């Protein structure tokens, strides 16, 4: 009987400690998590871009993308690690010291259920002999992408040979603790 009573007392004490530690507040479990905004970026390399049609004469070494003649249009999906994001800006990393050529990127939000999509923003290179490898950035006014019903993708146009696309960065934010 004494041994059973001692085990019961130990179990009761363990239960009381567990309850005390689970009570919100000082020394116990944390209260509700406050929502906060996190900003992050995704880098999309040139290797991710594929031509829209197979007839383009282009070179994609993985680290850069160039058209060898005429022009080309390319696309790539953008996958975010969280379900809902707000796009903040896109940055284009490229080489452009050619006044006759230009690289432009558009970030689109596809809406498969509606059968369409809309542009989130775009940025183009500018001929810069002084600094041909400067990044080109454009701010986007908090464009929401909800992956439950939408998807993001990039669309790239290279207008002529003499320029090279190295990659693209999509900066986005999302809420935690909601």
C-alpha atoms as a PDB file:
ATOM      1  CA  UNK A   1       0.000   0.000   0.000  1.00  0.00           C
ATOM      2  CA  UNK A   2       2.849   2.397   0.861  1.00  0.00           C
ATOM      3  CA  UNK A   3       4.542   1.839  -2.498  1.00  0.00           C
ATOM      4  CA  UNK A   4       1.312   2.484  -4.443  1.00  0.00           C
ATOM      5  CA  UNK A   5       0.776   5.674  -2.444  1.00  0.00           C
ATOM      6  CA  UNK A   6       4.316   6.879  -3.217  1.00  0.00           C
ATOM      7  CA  UNK A   7       3.835   6.241  -6.964  1.00  0.00           C
ATOM      8  CA  UNK A   8       0.497   8.088  -6.879  1.00  0.00           C
ATOM      9  CA  UNK A   9       2.112  11.043  -5.104  1.00  0.00           C
ATOM     10  CA  UNK A  10       4.958  11.205  -7.682  1.00  0.00           C
ATOM     11  CA  UNK A  11       2.488  11.021 -10.569  1.00  0.00           C
ATOM     12  CA  UNK A  12       0.311  13.745  -9.012  1.00  0.00           C
ATOM     13  CA  UNK A  13       3.360  15.953  -8.528  1.00  0.00           C
ATOM     14  CA  UNK A  14       4.453  15.393 -12.166  1.00  0.00           C
ATOM     15  CA  UNK A  15       0.953  16.308 -13.363  1.00  0.00           C
ATOM     16  CA  UNK A  16       0.960  19.533 -11.309  1.00  0.00           C
ATOM     17  CA  UNK A  17       4.375  20.538 -12.718  1.00  0.00           C
ATOM     18  CA  UNK A  18       3.161  19.866 -16.268  1.00  0.00           C
ATOM     19  CA  UNK A  19       0.037  21.999 -15.748  1.00  0.00           C
ATOM     20  CA  UNK A  20       2.055  24.806 -14.151  1.00  0.00           C
ATOM     21  CA  UNK A  21       4.505  24.920 -17.060  1.00  0.00           C
ATOM     22  CA  UNK A  22       1.742  24.956 -19.643  1.00  0.00           C
ATOM     23  CA  UNK A  23       0.030  28.041 -18.234  1.00  0.00           C
ATOM     24  CA  UNK A  24       0.759  31.123 -20.421  1.00  0.00           C
ATOM     25  CA  UNK A  25       2.850  33.820 -18.843  1.00  0.00           C
ATOM     26  CA  UNK A  26       6.145  34.192 -17.000  1.00  0.00           C
ATOM     27  CA  UNK A  27       8.133  30.976 -16.782  1.00  0.00           C
ATOM     28  CA  UNK A  28       5.470  28.985 -18.583  1.00  0.00           C
ATOM     29  CA  UNK A  29       4.559  28.414 -22.174  1.00  0.00           C
ATOM     30  CA  UNK A  30       4.697  31.452 -24.466  1.00  0.00           C
ATOM     31  CA  UNK A  31       1.462  33.259 -25.106  1.00  0.00           C
ATOM     32  CA  UNK A  32       0.095  33.632 -28.649  1.00  0.00           C
ATOM     33  CA  UNK A  33       2.756  34.373 -31.256  1.00  0.00           C
ATOM     34  CA  UNK A  34       2.590  37.924 -32.552  1.00  0.00           C
ATOM     35  CA  UNK A  35       2.396  38.179 -36.340  1.00  0.00           C
ATOM     36  CA  UNK A  36       5.461  39.678 -37.973  1.00  0.00           C
ATOM     37  CA  UNK A  37       6.501  40.460 -41.520  1.00  0.00           C
ATOM     38  CA  UNK A  38       9.471  38.570 -42.936  1.00  0.00           C
ATOM     39  CA  UNK A  39      11.230  39.732 -46.106  1.00  0.00           C
ATOM     40  CA  UNK A  40      13.154  37.209 -48.200  1.00  0.00           C
ATOM     41  CA  UNK A  41      14.478  36.766 -51.732  1.00  0.00           C
ATOM     42  CA  UNK A  42      14.647  34.026 -54.336  1.00  0.00           C
ATOM     43  CA  UNK A  43      17.411  33.944 -56.930  1.00  0.00           C
ATOM     44  CA  UNK A  44      16.430  32.469 -60.292  1.00  0.00           C
ATOM     45  CA  UNK A  45      19.478  31.558 -62.404  1.00  0.00           C
ATOM     46  CA  UNK A  46      19.676  31.805 -66.174  1.00  0.00           C
ATOM     47  CA  UNK A  47      19.570  27.988 -66.245  1.00  0.00           C
ATOM     48  CA  UNK A  48      15.911  28.036 -65.111  1.00  0.00           C
ATOM     49  CA  UNK A  49      14.733  29.895 -68.220  1.00  0.00           C
ATOM     50  CA  UNK A  50      13.384  27.914 -71.168  1.00  0.00           C
ATOM     51  CA  UNK A  51      12.463  29.271 -74.617  1.00  0.00           C
ATOM     52  CA  UNK A  52       8.819  29.928 -75.372  1.00  0.00           C
ATOM     53  CA  UNK A  53       9.286  28.479 -78.877  1.00  0.00           C
ATOM     54  CA  UNK A  54      11.951  26.000 -80.010  1.00  0.00           C
ATOM     55  CA  UNK A  55      13.113  27.993 -83.035  1.00  0.00           C
ATOM     56  CA  UNK A  56      15.179  30.599 -81.138  1.00  0.00           C
ATOM     57  CA  UNK A  57      18.925  30.590 -81.742  1.00  0.00           C
ATOM     58  CA  UNK A  58      20.243  31.004 -78.190  1.00  0.00           C
ATOM     59  CA  UNK A  59      22.894  29.817 -75.750  1.00  0.00           C
ATOM     60  CA  UNK A  60      22.163  28.967 -72.120  1.00  0.00           C
ATOM     61  CA  UNK A  61      25.309  27.974 -70.234  1.00  0.00           C
ATOM     62  CA  UNK A  62      23.446  27.833 -66.937  1.00  0.00           C
ATOM     63  CA  UNK A  63      25.223  30.946 -65.638  1.00  0.00           C
ATOM     64  CA  UNK A  64      24.166  33.176 -68.564  1.00  0.00           C
ATOM     65  CA  UNK A  65      21.563  33.297 -71.311  1.00  0.00           C
ATOM     66  CA  UNK A  66      22.174  34.979 -74.693  1.00  0.00           C
ATOM     67  CA  UNK A  67      20.517  35.048 -78.063  1.00  0.00           C
ATOM     68  CA  UNK A  68      22.912  34.204 -80.893  1.00  0.00           C
ATOM     69  CA  UNK A  69      20.851  35.934 -83.574  1.00  0.00           C
ATOM     70  CA  UNK A  70      17.653  37.959 -83.803  1.00  0.00           C
ATOM     71  CA  UNK A  71      15.727  37.812 -80.477  1.00  0.00           C
ATOM     72  CA  UNK A  72      14.183  35.406 -77.969  1.00  0.00           C
ATOM     73  CA  UNK A  73      11.435  35.027 -75.372  1.00  0.00           C
ATOM     74  CA  UNK A  74      11.895  32.784 -72.339  1.00  0.00           C
ATOM     75  CA  UNK A  75       9.898  31.767 -69.273  1.00  0.00           C
ATOM     76  CA  UNK A  76      10.374  30.144 -65.840  1.00  0.00           C
ATOM     77  CA  UNK A  77       8.091  29.360 -62.885  1.00  0.00           C
ATOM     78  CA  UNK A  78       8.701  30.958 -59.485  1.00  0.00           C
ATOM     79  CA  UNK A  79       8.097  28.745 -56.439  1.00  0.00           C
ATOM     80  CA  UNK A  80       7.760  30.393 -53.026  1.00  0.00           C
ATOM     81  CA  UNK A  81       8.404  28.483 -49.776  1.00  0.00           C
ATOM     82  CA  UNK A  82       5.204  29.806 -48.151  1.00  0.00           C
ATOM     83  CA  UNK A  83       1.627  29.808 -49.502  1.00  0.00           C
ATOM     84  CA  UNK A  84       0.945  33.585 -49.487  1.00  0.00           C
ATOM     85  CA  UNK A  85       3.520  36.240 -50.382  1.00  0.00           C
ATOM     86  CA  UNK A  86       3.602  39.910 -51.304  1.00  0.00           C
ATOM     87  CA  UNK A  87       6.039  40.664 -54.112  1.00  0.00           C
ATOM     88  CA  UNK A  88       8.188  43.695 -53.230  1.00  0.00           C
ATOM     89  CA  UNK A  89      10.656  44.065 -56.093  1.00  0.00           C
ATOM     90  CA  UNK A  90      12.414  42.276 -58.913  1.00  0.00           C
ATOM     91  CA  UNK A  91      16.067  42.672 -59.823  1.00  0.00           C
ATOM     92  CA  UNK A  92      17.671  41.775 -63.142  1.00  0.00           C
ATOM     93  CA  UNK A  93      21.361  40.820 -63.244  1.00  0.00           C
ATOM     94  CA  UNK A  94      22.702  41.193 -66.760  1.00  0.00           C
ATOM     95  CA  UNK A  95      25.446  42.509 -69.016  1.00  0.00           C
ATOM     96  CA  UNK A  96      24.336  45.340 -71.298  1.00  0.00           C
ATOM     97  CA  UNK A  97      26.677  47.759 -73.027  1.00  0.00           C
ATOM     98  CA  UNK A  98      24.932  47.395 -76.377  1.00  0.00           C
ATOM     99  CA  UNK A  99      22.626  50.216 -77.438  1.00  0.00           C
ATOM    100  CA  UNK A 100      20.974  47.961 -80.026  1.00  0.00           C
ATOM    101  CA  UNK A 101      19.924  45.248 -77.553  1.00  0.00           C
ATOM    102  CA  UNK A 102      17.911  45.057 -74.351  1.00  0.00           C
ATOM    103  CA  UNK A 103      16.764  42.488 -71.791  1.00  0.00           C
ATOM    104  CA  UNK A 104      13.370  42.904 -70.126  1.00  0.00           C
ATOM    105  CA  UNK A 105      11.709  40.720 -67.505  1.00  0.00           C
ATOM    106  CA  UNK A 106       8.105  40.622 -66.374  1.00  0.00           C
ATOM    107  CA  UNK A 107       6.807  38.909 -63.285  1.00  0.00           C
ATOM    108  CA  UNK A 108       3.317  37.536 -63.847  1.00  0.00           C
ATOM    109  CA  UNK A 109       0.702  36.077 -61.556  1.00  0.00           C
ATOM    110  CA  UNK A 110      -1.147  33.259 -63.341  1.00  0.00           C
ATOM    111  CA  UNK A 111      -4.781  32.639 -62.435  1.00  0.00           C
ATOM    112  CA  UNK A 112      -5.520  29.144 -63.787  1.00  0.00           C
ATOM    113  CA  UNK A 113      -9.133  28.975 -62.566  1.00  0.00           C
ATOM    114  CA  UNK A 114      -9.933  32.231 -64.379  1.00  0.00           C
ATOM    115  CA  UNK A 115      -7.890  31.296 -67.452  1.00  0.00           C
ATOM    116  CA  UNK A 116      -5.609  34.322 -67.358  1.00  0.00           C
ATOM    117  CA  UNK A 117      -3.013  36.272 -65.500  1.00  0.00           C
ATOM    118  CA  UNK A 118      -1.727  39.738 -64.760  1.00  0.00           C
ATOM    119  CA  UNK A 119       1.633  41.479 -64.718  1.00  0.00           C
ATOM    120  CA  UNK A 120       3.146  42.170 -61.306  1.00  0.00           C
ATOM    121  CA  UNK A 121       5.818  44.459 -62.731  1.00  0.00           C
ATOM    122  CA  UNK A 122       8.757  44.613 -65.114  1.00  0.00           C
ATOM    123  CA  UNK A 123      12.319  45.870 -65.405  1.00  0.00           C
ATOM    124  CA  UNK A 124      14.602  46.355 -68.433  1.00  0.00           C
ATOM    125  CA  UNK A 125      18.324  46.852 -68.894  1.00  0.00           C
ATOM    126  CA  UNK A 126      19.718  50.146 -70.094  1.00  0.00           C
ATOM    127  CA  UNK A 127      22.756  50.601 -72.321  1.00  0.00           C
ATOM    128  CA  UNK A 128      25.569  51.448 -69.925  1.00  0.00           C
ATOM    129  CA  UNK A 129      29.094  51.445 -71.299  1.00  0.00           C
ATOM    130  CA  UNK A 130      30.306  52.867 -67.957  1.00  0.00           C
ATOM    131  CA  UNK A 131      28.742  50.081 -65.836  1.00  0.00           C
ATOM    132  CA  UNK A 132      27.317  47.354 -68.101  1.00  0.00           C
ATOM    133  CA  UNK A 133      26.881  44.856 -65.274  1.00  0.00           C
ATOM    134  CA  UNK A 134      24.872  47.035 -62.869  1.00  0.00           C
ATOM    135  CA  UNK A 135      21.763  45.354 -61.431  1.00  0.00           C
ATOM    136  CA  UNK A 136      18.449  46.791 -62.586  1.00  0.00           C
ATOM    137  CA  UNK A 137      15.710  46.864 -59.937  1.00  0.00           C
ATOM    138  CA  UNK A 138      12.079  47.905 -59.910  1.00  0.00           C
ATOM    139  CA  UNK A 139       9.856  48.183 -56.848  1.00  0.00           C
ATOM    140  CA  UNK A 140       6.481  46.472 -56.920  1.00  0.00           C
ATOM    141  CA  UNK A 141       3.682  47.730 -54.762  1.00  0.00           C
ATOM    142  CA  UNK A 142       2.920  44.754 -52.539  1.00  0.00           C
ATOM    143  CA  UNK A 143       1.433  42.347 -55.091  1.00  0.00           C
ATOM    144  CA  UNK A 144      -0.054  39.329 -53.342  1.00  0.00           C
ATOM    145  CA  UNK A 145       0.358  35.810 -54.705  1.00  0.00           C
ATOM    146  CA  UNK A 146      -1.737  33.115 -53.022  1.00  0.00           C
ATOM    147  CA  UNK A 147      -0.511  29.722 -54.238  1.00  0.00           C
ATOM    148  CA  UNK A 148      -3.867  28.109 -53.392  1.00  0.00           C
ATOM    149  CA  UNK A 149      -5.309  29.729 -56.530  1.00  0.00           C
ATOM    150  CA  UNK A 150      -2.419  31.529 -58.283  1.00  0.00           C
ATOM    151  CA  UNK A 151       1.128  30.916 -59.469  1.00  0.00           C
ATOM    152  CA  UNK A 152       4.005  33.242 -60.277  1.00  0.00           C
ATOM    153  CA  UNK A 153       6.184  33.014 -63.374  1.00  0.00           C
ATOM    154  CA  UNK A 154       8.778  35.073 -65.226  1.00  0.00           C
ATOM    155  CA  UNK A 155       8.694  36.129 -68.844  1.00  0.00           C
ATOM    156  CA  UNK A 156      11.956  37.369 -70.415  1.00  0.00           C
ATOM    157  CA  UNK A 157      12.589  39.157 -73.727  1.00  0.00           C
ATOM    158  CA  UNK A 158      16.071  39.542 -75.204  1.00  0.00           C
ATOM    159  CA  UNK A 159      15.841  41.858 -78.206  1.00  0.00           C
ATOM    160  CA  UNK A 160      19.193  41.206 -79.949  1.00  0.00           C
ATOM    161  CA  UNK A 161      22.627  39.618 -79.499  1.00  0.00           C
ATOM    162  CA  UNK A 162      25.273  41.402 -77.475  1.00  0.00           C
ATOM    163  CA  UNK A 163      23.689  41.217 -74.019  1.00  0.00           C
ATOM    164  CA  UNK A 164      23.640  38.425 -71.417  1.00  0.00           C
ATOM    165  CA  UNK A 165      21.189  37.601 -68.656  1.00  0.00           C
ATOM    166  CA  UNK A 166      22.812  36.177 -65.496  1.00  0.00           C
ATOM    167  CA  UNK A 167      19.796  35.814 -63.250  1.00  0.00           C
ATOM    168  CA  UNK A 168      16.831  37.412 -61.555  1.00  0.00           C
ATOM    169  CA  UNK A 169      15.972  38.038 -57.934  1.00  0.00           C
ATOM    170  CA  UNK A 170      12.421  38.228 -56.615  1.00  0.00           C
ATOM    171  CA  UNK A 171      12.115  39.926 -53.211  1.00  0.00           C
ATOM    172  CA  UNK A 172       8.924  39.162 -51.311  1.00  0.00           C
ATOM    173  CA  UNK A 173       7.457  39.334 -47.832  1.00  0.00           C
ATOM    174  CA  UNK A 174       5.083  37.168 -45.840  1.00  0.00           C
ATOM    175  CA  UNK A 175       3.375  37.149 -42.439  1.00  0.00           C
ATOM    176  CA  UNK A 176       4.283  34.678 -39.706  1.00  0.00           C
ATOM    177  CA  UNK A 177       2.188  33.690 -36.711  1.00  0.00           C
ATOM    178  CA  UNK A 178      -1.157  34.239 -38.433  1.00  0.00           C
END
